[in-house]
Each structure stands twice: as C-alpha cells, then as structure tokens.
Amino acid sequence: RRGHPLLAEEGGLIQAVERERQAM
C-alpha cells in the first residue's frame, strides 16, 4: 500500500512503472 514515486505525475501505476523503466 505504498505509492510509486512517479504515480502523481503519470496518473496510473502501470504508466508510472513503465515510465521509470524507460528512464532507468
């Protein structure tokens, strides 16, 4: 029940994970 650090920017957990994967 923690929040992904990019969740607020991306609006969805899947999008946040994929955005971070690309950035990393």
PDB file of all heavy atoms in Angstrom:
ATOM      1  N   ARG A   1       0.812  -1.216   0.000  1.00  0.00           N
ATOM      2  CA  ARG A   1       0.000   0.000   0.000  1.00  0.00           C
ATOM      3  C   ARG A   1       0.848   1.269   0.000  1.00  0.00           C
ATOM      4  O   ARG A   1       0.441   2.303   0.529  1.00  0.00           O
ATOM      5  CB  ARG A   1      -0.974  -0.001   1.190  1.00  0.00           C
ATOM      6  CG  ARG A   1      -1.968  -1.150   1.138  1.00  0.00           C
ATOM      7  CD  ARG A   1      -3.011  -1.057   2.230  1.00  0.00           C
ATOM      8  NE  ARG A   1      -3.975  -2.149   2.129  1.00  0.00           N
ATOM      9  CZ  ARG A   1      -5.023  -2.303   2.933  1.00  0.00           C
ATOM     10  NH1 ARG A   1      -5.232  -1.415   3.898  1.00  0.00           N
ATOM     11  NH2 ARG A   1      -5.847  -3.310   2.776  1.00  0.00           N
ATOM     12  N   ARG A   2       2.008   1.171  -0.573  1.00  0.00           N
ATOM     13  CA  ARG A   2       2.857   2.346  -0.743  1.00  0.00           C
ATOM     14  C   ARG A   2       2.599   2.952  -2.112  1.00  0.00           C
ATOM     15  O   ARG A   2       2.060   2.306  -3.009  1.00  0.00           O
ATOM     16  CB  ARG A   2       4.329   1.962  -0.605  1.00  0.00           C
ATOM     17  CG  ARG A   2       4.723   1.454   0.758  1.00  0.00           C
ATOM     18  CD  ARG A   2       6.187   1.056   0.773  1.00  0.00           C
ATOM     19  NE  ARG A   2       7.029   2.158   0.364  1.00  0.00           N
ATOM     20  CZ  ARG A   2       8.254   2.007  -0.132  1.00  0.00           C
ATOM     21  NH1 ARG A   2       8.747   0.805  -0.313  1.00  0.00           N
ATOM     22  NH2 ARG A   2       8.974   3.061  -0.464  1.00  0.00           N
ATOM     23  N   GLY A   3       3.001   4.213  -2.268  1.00  0.00           N
ATOM     24  CA  GLY A   3       2.809   4.886  -3.541  1.00  0.00           C
ATOM     25  C   GLY A   3       4.081   4.913  -4.367  1.00  0.00           C
ATOM     26  O   GLY A   3       5.167   5.149  -3.841  1.00  0.00           O
ATOM     27  N   HIS A   4       3.962   4.663  -5.647  1.00  0.00           N
ATOM     28  CA  HIS A   4       5.118   4.740  -6.541  1.00  0.00           C
ATOM     29  C   HIS A   4       5.547   6.205  -6.645  1.00  0.00           C
ATOM     30  O   HIS A   4       4.706   7.109  -6.721  1.00  0.00           O
ATOM     31  CB  HIS A   4       4.745   4.186  -7.923  1.00  0.00           C
ATOM     32  CG  HIS A   4       5.905   3.998  -8.831  1.00  0.00           C
ATOM     33  ND1 HIS A   4       6.493   5.045  -9.505  1.00  0.00           N
ATOM     34  CD2 HIS A   4       6.586   2.880  -9.181  1.00  0.00           C
ATOM     35  CE1 HIS A   4       7.495   4.577 -10.235  1.00  0.00           C
ATOM     36  NE2 HIS A   4       7.572   3.265 -10.057  1.00  0.00           N
ATOM     37  N   PRO A   5       6.861   6.481  -6.667  1.00  0.00           N
ATOM     38  CA  PRO A   5       7.317   7.882  -6.682  1.00  0.00           C
ATOM     39  C   PRO A   5       6.867   8.671  -7.902  1.00  0.00           C
ATOM     40  O   PRO A   5       6.841   9.906  -7.855  1.00  0.00           O
ATOM     41  CB  PRO A   5       8.849   7.765  -6.642  1.00  0.00           C
ATOM     42  CG  PRO A   5       9.144   6.358  -7.035  1.00  0.00           C
ATOM     43  CD  PRO A   5       7.991   5.549  -6.570  1.00  0.00           C
ATOM     44  N   LEU A   6       6.505   8.003  -8.998  1.00  0.00           N
ATOM     45  CA  LEU A   6       6.063   8.720 -10.196  1.00  0.00           C
ATOM     46  C   LEU A   6       4.550   8.635 -10.409  1.00  0.00           C
ATOM     47  O   LEU A   6       4.053   9.055 -11.454  1.00  0.00           O
ATOM     48  CB  LEU A   6       6.775   8.151 -11.445  1.00  0.00           C
ATOM     49  CG  LEU A   6       8.297   8.251 -11.451  1.00  0.00           C
ATOM     50  CD1 LEU A   6       8.857   7.684 -12.754  1.00  0.00           C
ATOM     51  CD2 LEU A   6       8.759   9.677 -11.243  1.00  0.00           C
ATOM     52  N   LEU A   7       3.833   8.118  -9.416  1.00  0.00           N
ATOM     53  CA  LEU A   7       2.397   7.909  -9.574  1.00  0.00           C
ATOM     54  C   LEU A   7       1.653   9.217  -9.809  1.00  0.00           C
ATOM     55  O   LEU A   7       0.782   9.305 -10.681  1.00  0.00           O
ATOM     56  CB  LEU A   7       1.844   7.200  -8.338  1.00  0.00           C
ATOM     57  CG  LEU A   7       0.351   6.843  -8.380  1.00  0.00           C
ATOM     58  CD1 LEU A   7       0.056   5.899  -9.533  1.00  0.00           C
ATOM     59  CD2 LEU A   7      -0.077   6.217  -7.054  1.00  0.00           C
ATOM     60  N   ALA A   8       2.001  10.252  -9.062  1.00  0.00           N
ATOM     61  CA  ALA A   8       1.292  11.527  -9.193  1.00  0.00           C
ATOM     62  C   ALA A   8       1.500  12.134 -10.572  1.00  0.00           C
ATOM     63  O   ALA A   8       0.584  12.749 -11.133  1.00  0.00           O
ATOM     64  CB  ALA A   8       1.759  12.503  -8.105  1.00  0.00           C
ATOM     65  N   GLU A   9       2.684  11.948 -11.148  1.00  0.00           N
ATOM     66  CA  GLU A   9       2.972  12.520 -12.461  1.00  0.00           C
ATOM     67  C   GLU A   9       2.279  11.753 -13.576  1.00  0.00           C
ATOM     68  O   GLU A   9       1.810  12.351 -14.548  1.00  0.00           O
ATOM     69  CB  GLU A   9       4.483  12.523 -12.708  1.00  0.00           C
ATOM     70  CG  GLU A   9       5.280  13.366 -11.728  1.00  0.00           C
ATOM     71  CD  GLU A   9       6.768  13.283 -12.014  1.00  0.00           C
ATOM     72  OE1 GLU A   9       7.123  12.992 -13.179  1.00  0.00           O
ATOM     73  OE2 GLU A   9       7.564  13.495 -11.091  1.00  0.00           O
ATOM     74  N   GLU A  10       2.199  10.443 -13.428  1.00  0.00           N
ATOM     75  CA  GLU A  10       1.687   9.610 -14.516  1.00  0.00           C
ATOM     76  C   GLU A  10       0.201   9.295 -14.397  1.00  0.00           C
ATOM     77  O   GLU A  10      -0.442   8.961 -15.386  1.00  0.00           O
ATOM     78  CB  GLU A  10       2.488   8.298 -14.575  1.00  0.00           C
ATOM     79  CG  GLU A  10       3.956   8.497 -14.893  1.00  0.00           C
ATOM     80  CD  GLU A  10       4.156   9.160 -16.246  1.00  0.00           C
ATOM     81  OE1 GLU A  10       3.457   8.794 -17.208  1.00  0.00           O
ATOM     82  OE2 GLU A  10       5.008  10.069 -16.333  1.00  0.00           O
ATOM     83  N   GLY A  11      -0.326   9.361 -13.175  1.00  0.00           N
ATOM     84  CA  GLY A  11      -1.755   9.141 -13.003  1.00  0.00           C
ATOM     85  C   GLY A  11      -2.173   7.697 -12.896  1.00  0.00           C
ATOM     86  O   GLY A  11      -3.340   7.411 -12.626  1.00  0.00           O
ATOM     87  N   GLY A  12      -1.293   6.762 -13.108  1.00  0.00           N
ATOM     88  CA  GLY A  12      -1.621   5.347 -13.005  1.00  0.00           C
ATOM     89  C   GLY A  12      -0.371   4.560 -12.680  1.00  0.00           C
ATOM     90  O   GLY A  12       0.738   4.928 -13.072  1.00  0.00           O
ATOM     91  N   LEU A  13      -0.534   3.438 -11.958  1.00  0.00           N
ATOM     92  CA  LEU A  13       0.617   2.676 -11.510  1.00  0.00           C
ATOM     93  C   LEU A  13       1.354   2.012 -12.668  1.00  0.00           C
ATOM     94  O   LEU A  13       2.583   2.010 -12.717  1.00  0.00           O
ATOM     95  CB  LEU A  13       0.180   1.620 -10.478  1.00  0.00           C
ATOM     96  CG  LEU A  13       1.293   0.842  -9.776  1.00  0.00           C
ATOM     97  CD1 LEU A  13       2.315   1.779  -9.148  1.00  0.00           C
ATOM     98  CD2 LEU A  13       0.691  -0.071  -8.704  1.00  0.00           C
ATOM     99  N   ILE A  14       0.624   1.466 -13.615  1.00  0.00           N
ATOM    100  CA  ILE A  14       1.264   0.828 -14.768  1.00  0.00           C
ATOM    101  C   ILE A  14       2.097   1.844 -15.532  1.00  0.00           C
ATOM    102  O   ILE A  14       3.255   1.588 -15.895  1.00  0.00           O
ATOM    103  CB  ILE A  14       0.218   0.180 -15.691  1.00  0.00           C
ATOM    104  CG1 ILE A  14      -0.484  -0.982 -14.968  1.00  0.00           C
ATOM    105  CG2 ILE A  14       0.868  -0.315 -16.973  1.00  0.00           C
ATOM    106  CD1 ILE A  14      -1.573  -1.634 -15.797  1.00  0.00           C
ATOM    107  N   GLN A  15       1.506   3.008 -15.767  1.00  0.00           N
ATOM    108  CA  GLN A  15       2.220   4.051 -16.508  1.00  0.00           C
ATOM    109  C   GLN A  15       3.458   4.516 -15.743  1.00  0.00           C
ATOM    110  O   GLN A  15       4.511   4.767 -16.339  1.00  0.00           O
ATOM    111  CB  GLN A  15       1.285   5.239 -16.762  1.00  0.00           C
ATOM    112  CG  GLN A  15       0.117   4.932 -17.681  1.00  0.00           C
ATOM    113  CD  GLN A  15      -1.083   4.366 -16.952  1.00  0.00           C
ATOM    114  OE1 GLN A  15      -0.977   3.859 -15.843  1.00  0.00           O
ATOM    115  NE2 GLN A  15      -2.243   4.477 -17.595  1.00  0.00           N
ATOM    116  N   ALA A  16       3.341   4.604 -14.400  1.00  0.00           N
ATOM    117  CA  ALA A  16       4.473   5.048 -13.583  1.00  0.00           C
ATOM    118  C   ALA A  16       5.620   4.040 -13.657  1.00  0.00           C
ATOM    119  O   ALA A  16       6.796   4.416 -13.791  1.00  0.00           O
ATOM    120  CB  ALA A  16       4.038   5.247 -12.135  1.00  0.00           C
ATOM    121  N   VAL A  17       5.295   2.760 -13.588  1.00  0.00           N
ATOM    122  CA  VAL A  17       6.325   1.718 -13.643  1.00  0.00           C
ATOM    123  C   VAL A  17       7.019   1.727 -15.001  1.00  0.00           C
ATOM    124  O   VAL A  17       8.261   1.660 -15.086  1.00  0.00           O
ATOM    125  CB  VAL A  17       5.727   0.337 -13.348  1.00  0.00           C
ATOM    126  CG1 VAL A  17       6.776  -0.766 -13.566  1.00  0.00           C
ATOM    127  CG2 VAL A  17       5.193   0.269 -11.916  1.00  0.00           C
ATOM    128  N   GLU A  18       6.256   1.822 -16.070  1.00  0.00           N
ATOM    129  CA  GLU A  18       6.847   1.802 -17.404  1.00  0.00           C
ATOM    130  C   GLU A  18       7.668   3.062 -17.678  1.00  0.00           C
ATOM    131  O   GLU A  18       8.711   3.010 -18.325  1.00  0.00           O
ATOM    132  CB  GLU A  18       5.743   1.648 -18.457  1.00  0.00           C
ATOM    133  CG  GLU A  18       5.079   0.276 -18.439  1.00  0.00           C
ATOM    134  CD  GLU A  18       6.074  -0.843 -18.616  1.00  0.00           C
ATOM    135  OE1 GLU A  18       7.044  -0.681 -19.403  1.00  0.00           O
ATOM    136  OE2 GLU A  18       5.917  -1.892 -17.956  1.00  0.00           O
ATOM    137  N   ARG A  19       7.207   4.198 -17.169  1.00  0.00           N
ATOM    138  CA  ARG A  19       7.976   5.442 -17.324  1.00  0.00           C
ATOM    139  C   ARG A  19       9.323   5.328 -16.622  1.00  0.00           C
ATOM    140  O   ARG A  19      10.370   5.714 -17.157  1.00  0.00           O
ATOM    141  CB  ARG A  19       7.165   6.609 -16.742  1.00  0.00           C
ATOM    142  CG  ARG A  19       7.978   7.822 -16.326  1.00  0.00           C
ATOM    143  CD  ARG A  19       8.223   8.817 -17.434  1.00  0.00           C
ATOM    144  NE  ARG A  19       9.047   9.919 -16.949  1.00  0.00           N
ATOM    145  CZ  ARG A  19       8.587  10.932 -16.205  1.00  0.00           C
ATOM    146  NH1 ARG A  19       7.308  10.991 -15.867  1.00  0.00           N
ATOM    147  NH2 ARG A  19       9.405  11.892 -15.824  1.00  0.00           N
ATOM    148  N   GLU A  20       9.309   4.779 -15.409  1.00  0.00           N
ATOM    149  CA  GLU A  20      10.562   4.623 -14.682  1.00  0.00           C
ATOM    150  C   GLU A  20      11.470   3.616 -15.376  1.00  0.00           C
ATOM    151  O   GLU A  20      12.687   3.811 -15.445  1.00  0.00           O
ATOM    152  CB  GLU A  20      10.294   4.174 -13.244  1.00  0.00           C
ATOM    153  CG  GLU A  20      11.577   4.098 -12.409  1.00  0.00           C
ATOM    154  CD  GLU A  20      11.331   3.615 -10.995  1.00  0.00           C
ATOM    155  OE1 GLU A  20      10.399   2.802 -10.795  1.00  0.00           O
ATOM    156  OE2 GLU A  20      12.079   4.030 -10.096  1.00  0.00           O
ATOM    157  N   ARG A  21      10.900   2.548 -15.905  1.00  0.00           N
ATOM    158  CA  ARG A  21      11.708   1.546 -16.591  1.00  0.00           C
ATOM    159  C   ARG A  21      12.454   2.175 -17.771  1.00  0.00           C
ATOM    160  O   ARG A  21      13.638   1.905 -17.996  1.00  0.00           O
ATOM    161  CB  ARG A  21      10.821   0.393 -17.060  1.00  0.00           C
ATOM    162  CG  ARG A  21      11.618  -0.829 -17.550  1.00  0.00           C
ATOM    163  CD  ARG A  21      10.681  -1.895 -18.105  1.00  0.00           C
ATOM    164  NE  ARG A  21       9.702  -2.331 -17.121  1.00  0.00           N
ATOM    165  CZ  ARG A  21       9.958  -3.241 -16.185  1.00  0.00           C
ATOM    166  NH1 ARG A  21      11.157  -3.784 -16.098  1.00  0.00           N
ATOM    167  NH2 ARG A  21       9.011  -3.608 -15.330  1.00  0.00           N
ATOM    168  N   GLN A  22      11.766   3.008 -18.520  1.00  0.00           N
ATOM    169  CA  GLN A  22      12.401   3.680 -19.654  1.00  0.00           C
ATOM    170  C   GLN A  22      13.489   4.648 -19.188  1.00  0.00           C
ATOM    171  O   GLN A  22      14.587   4.697 -19.759  1.00  0.00           O
ATOM    172  CB  GLN A  22      11.343   4.432 -20.469  1.00  0.00           C
ATOM    173  CG  GLN A  22      10.330   3.526 -21.151  1.00  0.00           C
ATOM    174  CD  GLN A  22       9.186   4.305 -21.773  1.00  0.00           C
ATOM    175  OE1 GLN A  22       9.214   5.539 -21.822  1.00  0.00           O
ATOM    176  NE2 GLN A  22       8.166   3.599 -22.238  1.00  0.00           N
ATOM    177  N   ALA A  23      13.179   5.402 -18.126  1.00  0.00           N
ATOM    178  CA  ALA A  23      14.139   6.389 -17.632  1.00  0.00           C
ATOM    179  C   ALA A  23      15.384   5.724 -17.061  1.00  0.00           C
ATOM    180  O   ALA A  23      16.493   6.271 -17.144  1.00  0.00           O
ATOM    181  CB  ALA A  23      13.480   7.274 -16.574  1.00  0.00           C
ATOM    182  N   MET A  24      15.205   4.524 -16.487  1.00  0.00           N
ATOM    183  CA  MET A  24      16.321   3.852 -15.827  1.00  0.00           C
ATOM    184  C   MET A  24      17.137   2.971 -16.759  1.00  0.00           C
ATOM    185  O   MET A  24      18.148   2.404 -16.336  1.00  0.00           O
ATOM    186  CB  MET A  24      15.781   2.995 -14.675  1.00  0.00           C
ATOM    187  CG  MET A  24      15.195   3.794 -13.529  1.00  0.00           C
ATOM    188  SD  MET A  24      16.459   4.768 -12.680  1.00  0.00           S
ATOM    189  CE  MET A  24      17.447   3.475 -11.964  1.00  0.00           C
TER     190      MET A  24
END
